[in-house]
Amino acid sequence: MATEYRAEIDALRKTFHQIWMVTDPEGLKATIARLTEQSSAPDLWDDPDKAQEVTSELSHVQSELDRVLALEGRLDDLEAMLEMAEEESEADPELAGELYADLDKDMERTSRDLDDLQIRTLLSGKYDERDAVMTIRSGAGGVDAADFAQMLQRMYVRWAERQGYSTKVLNTSYAEEAGIKSTTLEIHAPYAYGTLSVEAGTHRLVRISPFDNQGRRQTSFAAVEVIPLIEKTDHIDVPEADIRVDVYRSSGPGGQSVNTTDSAVRITHIPTGLVVSMQDEKSQIQNRAAAMRVLQSRLLLIKQQEEAKEKKELAGDIKASWGDQMRSYVLQPYQMVKDLRTGFEAGNPDSVFDGDIDGFIDAGIRWRATGEKANSND
């Protein structure tokens, strides 16, 4: 029995060593020392934006180091607990059994935390640690597509609730019969953008349509867009001459007016044609600020994509790494949700639509990291 436990602990050690090499704790300590010195400067808050950037980065780096060191300590504790269980095996078998039971629980928890940290180490993109702005739009499929878009909105909100993350709906355009034409929401969490960016793409639903009185099977589509939330330190300038601002009255489901004043705001970015609408805040000023924040986030992502495209062109390697359709949700004639990129699947769509999508997200992050590594080696 002890031999099996030791082999499992050795496997956990091996995984931890890989994480240790990627996270580079010594490098983190050096960064913490540098940032701590900067944060102690008497004139730090003369530039609030710079001060916020320094303190935020210091908090993030310290958290990463603490997480790695804590796991190292827990692995040491597992080895100590195993030694105690081995020593008590003959002297006190009952106590040894209790120690082995506790060891099972601690190993399972440590293994799970190592998996989580390993996933986190794969999120190394420039904006991965940001909050996320997610937009869901109904596609082909009529009223079923609008209903599907609303199902996806609930799925992501439920996922965030399961994680203890906060969400904020910025704008929702309701369809006439049922569901939504589009919705935009913010997800506030560490690495929200890096985590949810693998959800971007076209989602497909196959089911017996509840809106078809003949009970026919219907295929519908919805598009998911994920962008990083803009920060003050990003300095994305949007000249007033480049935007057109329209105001109108907010509306609810079925076109019902929910606001008697022109508080909703639509901003059009003339050079790119990007359009952002906001209506969920109480005032026109708040909606305009929220719309500008999302517009700047989208422009930031476009800038990032252009830079990445330029690098690929210089390298002579232009590949499309994401297909149009990335996941299928099949409710009829069988029940299954399958990611077409990773092959990960689940046989309980109800659970998936209730926010149980961690398996899909983790598989997507690993798949993307493997693909990026392969492309970098071409």
Protein backbone atom coordinates (compact mmCIF):
# COMPACT_ATOMS: atom_id res chain seq x y z
CA MET A 1 0.00 0.00 0.00
CA ALA A 2 2.74 2.45 0.95
CA THR A 3 4.50 1.81 -2.36
CA GLU A 4 1.38 2.85 -4.30
CA TYR A 5 1.02 6.02 -2.26
CA ARG A 6 4.67 6.89 -2.76
CA ALA A 7 4.30 6.42 -6.51
CA GLU A 8 1.29 8.76 -6.55
CA ILE A 9 3.14 11.39 -4.53
CA ASP A 10 6.11 11.10 -6.90
CA ALA A 11 3.74 11.71 -9.83
CA LEU A 12 2.38 14.81 -8.07
CA ARG A 13 5.96 15.97 -7.48
CA LYS A 14 6.70 15.57 -11.17
CA THR A 15 3.70 17.70 -12.11
CA PHE A 16 4.68 20.28 -9.51
CA HIS A 17 8.24 20.40 -10.89
CA GLN A 18 6.86 21.26 -14.34
CA ILE A 19 4.78 24.04 -12.81
CA TRP A 20 7.79 25.26 -10.80
CA MET A 21 9.92 25.53 -13.95
CA VAL A 22 7.23 27.50 -15.78
CA THR A 23 6.35 29.88 -12.95
CA ASP A 24 10.03 30.50 -12.00
CA PRO A 25 9.63 31.34 -8.27
CA GLU A 26 13.09 32.93 -8.11
CA GLY A 27 12.11 35.24 -10.93
CA LEU A 28 8.85 36.03 -9.13
CA LYS A 29 10.81 36.92 -5.97
CA ALA A 30 13.03 39.28 -7.96
CA THR A 31 9.96 40.91 -9.52
CA ILE A 32 8.35 41.29 -6.08
CA ALA A 33 11.49 42.97 -4.74
CA ARG A 34 11.53 45.40 -7.68
CA LEU A 35 7.83 46.22 -7.42
CA THR A 36 8.01 46.57 -3.64
CA GLU A 37 10.77 49.14 -4.04
CA GLN A 38 8.68 51.03 -6.61
CA SER A 39 5.58 50.93 -4.41
CA SER A 40 7.55 52.44 -1.54
CA ALA A 41 8.57 55.50 -3.55
CA PRO A 42 7.23 58.69 -1.89
CA ASP A 43 6.08 60.12 -5.23
CA LEU A 44 4.31 56.93 -6.39
CA TRP A 45 0.80 58.37 -6.23
CA ASP A 46 1.76 61.51 -8.13
CA ASP A 47 0.81 59.37 -11.13
CA PRO A 48 -2.33 57.43 -10.05
CA ASP A 49 -2.42 55.28 -13.21
CA LYS A 50 1.20 54.19 -12.75
CA ALA A 51 0.61 53.60 -9.03
CA GLN A 52 -2.39 51.40 -9.79
CA GLU A 53 -0.38 49.44 -12.34
CA VAL A 54 2.47 48.83 -9.87
CA THR A 55 0.29 47.83 -6.91
CA SER A 56 -1.91 45.60 -9.06
CA GLU A 57 1.07 43.77 -10.55
CA LEU A 58 2.68 43.40 -7.11
CA SER A 59 -0.49 41.84 -5.71
CA HIS A 60 -0.77 39.46 -8.67
CA VAL A 61 2.88 38.32 -8.57
CA GLN A 62 2.82 37.85 -4.78
CA SER A 63 -0.35 35.77 -5.11
CA GLU A 64 1.25 33.55 -7.76
CA LEU A 65 4.34 32.97 -5.60
CA ASP A 66 2.26 32.22 -2.50
CA ARG A 67 0.18 29.69 -4.43
CA VAL A 68 3.25 27.80 -5.68
CA LEU A 69 5.00 27.79 -2.30
CA ALA A 70 1.82 26.64 -0.54
CA LEU A 71 1.54 23.65 -2.86
CA GLU A 72 5.19 22.79 -2.27
CA GLY A 73 4.48 22.74 1.47
CA ARG A 74 1.45 20.53 0.99
CA LEU A 75 3.51 17.99 -0.95
CA ASP A 76 5.99 17.92 1.93
CA ASP A 77 3.06 17.32 4.30
CA LEU A 78 1.85 14.39 2.18
CA GLU A 79 5.25 12.71 2.42
CA ALA A 80 5.35 13.28 6.19
CA MET A 81 1.85 11.84 6.60
CA LEU A 82 2.81 8.77 4.56
CA GLU A 83 5.86 8.19 6.75
CA MET A 84 3.68 8.40 9.87
CA ALA A 85 1.19 5.92 8.41
CA GLU A 86 4.00 3.50 7.54
CA GLU A 87 5.41 3.73 11.07
CA GLU A 88 2.01 3.05 12.64
CA SER A 89 1.08 0.17 10.32
CA GLU A 90 2.26 -2.48 12.80
CA ALA A 91 2.12 -0.60 16.12
CA ASP A 92 -1.41 0.82 15.68
CA PRO A 93 -3.22 -0.43 12.55
CA GLU A 94 -6.38 1.54 13.39
CA LEU A 95 -4.47 4.83 13.57
CA ALA A 96 -2.63 3.92 10.38
CA GLY A 97 -5.97 3.38 8.64
CA GLU A 98 -7.13 6.83 9.71
CA LEU A 99 -3.89 8.37 8.48
CA TYR A 100 -4.23 6.65 5.11
CA ALA A 101 -7.83 7.88 4.84
CA ASP A 102 -6.70 11.45 5.56
CA LEU A 103 -3.87 10.97 3.06
CA ASP A 104 -6.37 9.96 0.37
CA LYS A 105 -8.37 13.15 0.90
CA ASP A 106 -5.31 15.42 0.97
CA MET A 107 -3.83 13.81 -2.15
CA GLU A 108 -7.08 14.23 -4.05
CA ARG A 109 -7.32 17.90 -3.04
CA THR A 110 -3.66 18.53 -3.87
CA SER A 111 -4.02 16.81 -7.25
CA ARG A 112 -7.01 18.99 -8.07
CA ASP A 113 -5.19 22.17 -7.03
CA LEU A 114 -2.15 21.17 -9.09
CA ASP A 115 -4.38 20.70 -12.13
CA ASP A 116 -5.88 24.15 -11.56
CA LEU A 117 -2.45 25.74 -11.21
CA GLN A 118 -1.16 23.89 -14.26
CA ILE A 119 -4.05 25.34 -16.28
CA ARG A 120 -3.22 28.79 -14.87
CA THR A 121 0.40 28.51 -16.04
CA LEU A 122 -0.90 28.05 -19.60
CA LEU A 123 -2.59 31.46 -19.44
CA SER A 124 0.39 33.58 -20.32
CA GLY A 125 -1.09 35.86 -22.97
CA LYS A 126 -0.70 39.61 -22.72
CA TYR A 127 -4.28 40.17 -21.54
CA ASP A 128 -5.11 36.75 -20.08
CA GLU A 129 -5.27 37.98 -16.49
CA ARG A 130 -7.88 40.63 -17.33
CA ASP A 131 -11.59 40.66 -16.64
CA ALA A 132 -13.61 39.57 -19.66
CA VAL A 133 -16.32 41.17 -21.78
CA MET A 134 -18.48 38.51 -23.46
CA THR A 135 -20.97 39.19 -26.23
CA ILE A 136 -23.42 36.50 -27.38
CA ARG A 137 -25.36 36.94 -30.63
CA SER A 138 -28.07 34.76 -32.13
CA GLY A 139 -27.27 33.48 -35.61
CA ALA A 140 -29.07 31.35 -38.19
CA GLY A 141 -32.12 29.53 -36.87
CA GLY A 142 -34.74 32.19 -36.23
CA VAL A 143 -36.50 32.12 -32.88
CA ASP A 144 -34.63 28.93 -31.89
CA ALA A 145 -31.32 30.77 -32.34
CA ALA A 146 -32.56 33.65 -30.17
CA ASP A 147 -33.61 31.16 -27.49
CA PHE A 148 -30.24 29.40 -27.81
CA ALA A 149 -28.40 32.69 -27.30
CA GLN A 150 -30.31 33.22 -24.07
CA MET A 151 -29.50 29.65 -22.97
CA LEU A 152 -25.80 30.38 -23.51
CA GLN A 153 -26.07 33.62 -21.54
CA ARG A 154 -27.54 31.72 -18.59
CA MET A 155 -24.87 29.01 -18.96
CA TYR A 156 -22.00 31.48 -18.59
CA VAL A 157 -23.68 33.37 -15.74
CA ARG A 158 -24.25 30.06 -13.91
CA TRP A 159 -20.62 29.08 -14.54
CA ALA A 160 -19.45 32.35 -12.99
CA GLU A 161 -21.76 31.83 -10.00
CA ARG A 162 -20.31 28.35 -9.46
CA GLN A 163 -16.82 29.87 -9.36
CA GLY A 164 -17.89 32.69 -7.05
CA TYR A 165 -17.23 35.29 -9.78
CA SER A 166 -19.36 38.38 -10.30
CA THR A 167 -21.04 39.24 -13.59
CA LYS A 168 -22.69 42.37 -14.87
CA VAL A 169 -25.04 42.54 -17.84
CA LEU A 170 -24.19 45.65 -19.87
CA ASN A 171 -26.73 45.38 -22.65
CA THR A 172 -29.42 43.00 -23.90
CA SER A 173 -31.38 43.21 -27.14
CA TYR A 174 -34.48 41.04 -26.84
CA ALA A 175 -36.02 39.14 -29.74
CA GLU A 176 -39.68 39.69 -30.53
CA GLU A 177 -41.02 36.15 -29.88
CA ALA A 178 -38.54 34.65 -27.41
CA GLY A 179 -34.90 34.77 -26.43
CA ILE A 180 -32.41 37.50 -27.25
CA LYS A 181 -30.79 38.95 -30.34
CA SER A 182 -27.63 39.77 -28.41
CA THR A 183 -26.27 40.38 -24.94
CA THR A 184 -23.03 41.78 -23.53
CA LEU A 185 -21.79 41.05 -20.03
CA GLU A 186 -18.68 41.59 -17.96
CA ILE A 187 -17.13 38.73 -15.95
CA HIS A 188 -14.96 39.94 -13.09
CA ALA A 189 -12.43 37.32 -12.02
CA PRO A 190 -8.68 36.64 -12.10
CA TYR A 191 -7.76 35.44 -15.60
CA ALA A 192 -11.37 35.72 -16.77
CA TYR A 193 -10.33 36.70 -20.29
CA GLY A 194 -7.65 34.03 -20.65
CA THR A 195 -10.02 31.40 -19.28
CA LEU A 196 -13.11 32.32 -21.29
CA SER A 197 -11.36 33.28 -24.53
CA VAL A 198 -11.43 29.59 -25.52
CA GLU A 199 -15.24 29.85 -25.56
CA ALA A 200 -15.16 32.29 -28.47
CA GLY A 201 -16.58 30.97 -31.71
CA THR A 202 -19.75 29.56 -33.22
CA HIS A 203 -21.92 27.30 -31.07
CA ARG A 204 -24.52 24.96 -32.60
CA LEU A 205 -27.71 23.56 -31.05
CA VAL A 206 -29.66 20.59 -32.42
CA ARG A 207 -33.04 19.82 -30.83
CA ILE A 208 -36.76 19.36 -31.36
CA SER A 209 -37.91 22.96 -31.63
CA PRO A 210 -40.30 24.02 -28.84
CA PHE A 211 -41.47 26.75 -31.23
CA ASP A 212 -42.45 24.37 -34.05
CA ASN A 213 -46.00 23.04 -33.69
CA GLN A 214 -45.05 20.10 -35.94
CA GLY A 215 -42.27 19.05 -33.56
CA ARG A 216 -39.53 19.08 -36.15
CA ARG A 217 -35.82 18.99 -35.40
CA GLN A 218 -34.12 22.37 -35.69
CA THR A 219 -30.46 23.37 -35.96
CA SER A 220 -29.59 26.85 -34.74
CA PHE A 221 -26.43 28.84 -34.18
CA ALA A 222 -25.09 31.51 -31.83
CA ALA A 223 -21.81 33.39 -31.86
CA VAL A 224 -19.73 34.07 -28.74
CA GLU A 225 -17.17 36.89 -28.66
CA VAL A 226 -14.77 37.36 -25.73
CA ILE A 227 -12.51 40.38 -25.32
CA PRO A 228 -10.33 41.65 -22.45
CA LEU A 229 -11.71 44.51 -20.39
CA ILE A 230 -9.92 47.79 -21.01
CA GLU A 231 -7.86 49.32 -18.19
CA LYS A 232 -6.89 52.93 -17.67
CA THR A 233 -3.25 52.12 -18.27
CA ASP A 234 -3.92 50.80 -21.80
CA HIS A 235 -4.22 54.30 -23.31
CA ILE A 236 -6.42 53.43 -26.27
CA ASP A 237 -7.26 56.85 -27.68
CA VAL A 238 -10.59 57.22 -29.47
CA PRO A 239 -10.91 60.72 -30.97
CA GLU A 240 -14.37 62.23 -30.75
CA ALA A 241 -14.28 62.74 -34.54
CA ASP A 242 -14.05 58.95 -34.96
CA ILE A 243 -17.30 58.15 -33.18
CA ARG A 244 -21.01 58.80 -33.64
CA VAL A 245 -23.19 58.71 -30.53
CA ASP A 246 -26.92 58.03 -30.72
CA VAL A 247 -29.29 57.99 -27.76
CA TYR A 248 -32.64 56.24 -27.46
CA ARG A 249 -35.03 54.78 -24.91
CA SER A 250 -34.15 51.50 -23.22
CA SER A 251 -36.52 48.60 -23.89
CA GLY A 252 -37.28 45.25 -22.32
CA PRO A 253 -38.60 41.92 -23.61
CA GLY A 254 -41.01 42.21 -26.52
CA GLY A 255 -40.05 45.83 -27.13
CA GLN A 256 -41.66 47.05 -23.91
CA SER A 257 -40.21 50.39 -22.81
CA VAL A 258 -38.48 50.22 -19.45
CA ASN A 259 -37.26 53.80 -19.39
CA THR A 260 -39.14 56.97 -20.20
CA THR A 261 -35.97 58.96 -20.93
CA ASP A 262 -33.38 58.63 -23.69
CA SER A 263 -30.79 56.92 -21.48
CA ALA A 264 -29.65 54.13 -23.82
CA VAL A 265 -26.54 54.86 -25.87
CA ARG A 266 -25.24 53.51 -29.17
CA ILE A 267 -21.67 54.37 -30.19
CA THR A 268 -20.45 53.75 -33.73
CA HIS A 269 -16.69 53.74 -34.35
CA ILE A 270 -16.58 55.20 -37.85
CA PRO A 271 -13.12 53.94 -39.00
CA THR A 272 -13.87 50.30 -38.16
CA GLY A 273 -17.68 50.21 -38.25
CA LEU A 274 -17.80 48.74 -34.72
CA VAL A 275 -21.11 49.40 -32.95
CA VAL A 276 -21.60 49.18 -29.18
CA SER A 277 -24.96 49.66 -27.47
CA MET A 278 -25.59 50.03 -23.73
CA GLN A 279 -28.88 50.38 -21.91
CA ASP A 280 -28.62 48.62 -18.56
CA GLU A 281 -27.18 51.52 -16.57
CA LYS A 282 -29.55 54.10 -15.07
CA SER A 283 -28.25 57.21 -16.81
CA GLN A 284 -27.09 58.22 -20.24
CA ILE A 285 -23.71 59.24 -18.81
CA GLN A 286 -23.20 55.78 -17.25
CA ASN A 287 -24.29 54.01 -20.43
CA ARG A 288 -21.94 56.12 -22.53
CA ALA A 289 -19.02 55.35 -20.19
CA ALA A 290 -19.81 51.62 -20.30
CA ALA A 291 -20.14 51.67 -24.09
CA MET A 292 -16.80 53.48 -24.47
CA ARG A 293 -15.13 50.94 -22.20
CA VAL A 294 -16.36 48.03 -24.34
CA LEU A 295 -15.47 49.86 -27.58
CA GLN A 296 -11.95 50.49 -26.32
CA SER A 297 -11.67 46.82 -25.30
CA ARG A 298 -12.64 45.72 -28.80
CA LEU A 299 -10.20 48.14 -30.37
CA LEU A 300 -7.51 46.84 -28.04
CA LEU A 301 -8.21 43.27 -29.18
CA ILE A 302 -8.13 44.33 -32.84
CA LYS A 303 -4.74 45.94 -32.22
CA GLN A 304 -3.50 42.75 -30.57
CA GLN A 305 -4.78 40.60 -33.46
CA GLU A 306 -3.15 42.88 -36.04
CA GLU A 307 0.16 42.66 -34.20
CA ALA A 308 -0.10 38.86 -34.01
CA LYS A 309 -1.02 38.68 -37.72
CA GLU A 310 1.95 40.85 -38.63
CA LYS A 311 4.28 38.59 -36.66
CA LYS A 312 2.90 35.49 -38.42
CA GLU A 313 3.28 37.14 -41.82
CA LEU A 314 6.87 38.06 -41.05
CA ALA A 315 7.44 34.44 -40.04
CA GLY A 316 5.86 33.26 -43.28
CA ASP A 317 3.22 31.23 -41.44
CA ILE A 318 -0.43 32.20 -41.79
CA LYS A 319 -2.77 29.60 -40.31
CA ALA A 320 -6.33 29.74 -39.07
CA SER A 321 -6.27 28.01 -35.70
CA TRP A 322 -9.98 28.31 -34.93
CA GLY A 323 -12.80 26.95 -37.05
CA ASP A 324 -16.16 28.69 -37.39
CA GLN A 325 -18.03 25.98 -35.51
CA MET A 326 -16.38 25.00 -32.26
CA ARG A 327 -19.03 23.18 -30.20
CA SER A 328 -22.25 21.25 -30.77
CA TYR A 329 -25.05 20.85 -28.24
CA VAL A 330 -27.21 17.92 -29.37
CA LEU A 331 -30.50 17.25 -27.57
CA GLN A 332 -32.11 15.11 -30.30
CA PRO A 333 -31.87 12.28 -31.44
CA TYR A 334 -29.31 11.69 -28.67
CA GLN A 335 -27.94 13.86 -25.88
CA MET A 336 -24.35 15.06 -26.03
CA VAL A 337 -22.27 18.21 -25.97
CA LYS A 338 -19.03 17.92 -27.90
CA ASP A 339 -16.20 20.36 -28.53
CA LEU A 340 -15.12 19.89 -32.12
CA ARG A 341 -11.59 21.23 -31.52
CA THR A 342 -10.56 19.22 -28.49
CA GLY A 343 -12.84 16.19 -28.76
CA PHE A 344 -13.99 16.73 -25.16
CA GLU A 345 -17.61 15.72 -24.68
CA ALA A 346 -20.27 15.39 -22.01
CA GLY A 347 -23.43 13.30 -22.04
CA ASN A 348 -25.55 15.57 -19.86
CA PRO A 349 -26.51 18.77 -21.74
CA ASP A 350 -28.74 19.93 -18.87
CA SER A 351 -25.72 20.03 -16.56
CA VAL A 352 -23.67 21.87 -19.19
CA PHE A 353 -26.37 24.49 -19.71
CA ASP A 354 -26.45 24.88 -15.93
CA GLY A 355 -22.83 26.05 -16.00
CA ASP A 356 -20.88 22.80 -15.72
CA ILE A 357 -18.34 23.70 -18.43
CA ASP A 358 -15.02 23.50 -16.57
CA GLY A 359 -14.05 20.36 -18.48
CA PHE A 360 -14.61 22.10 -21.81
CA ILE A 361 -12.69 25.20 -20.71
CA ASP A 362 -9.72 23.23 -19.35
CA ALA A 363 -9.54 21.08 -22.48
CA GLY A 364 -9.73 24.22 -24.62
CA ILE A 365 -6.89 25.91 -22.75
CA ARG A 366 -4.68 22.82 -23.05
CA TRP A 367 -5.57 22.43 -26.73
CA ARG A 368 -4.80 26.05 -27.47
CA ALA A 369 -1.48 25.91 -25.63
CA THR A 370 -0.48 22.79 -27.57
CA GLY A 371 -1.49 24.39 -30.85
CA GLU A 372 0.39 27.60 -30.11
CA LYS A 373 3.47 25.63 -29.14
CA ALA A 374 3.23 23.60 -32.34
CA ASN A 375 2.87 26.73 -34.44
CA SER A 376 5.84 28.37 -32.73
CA ASN A 377 7.97 25.35 -33.65
CA ASP A 378 7.01 25.40 -37.34
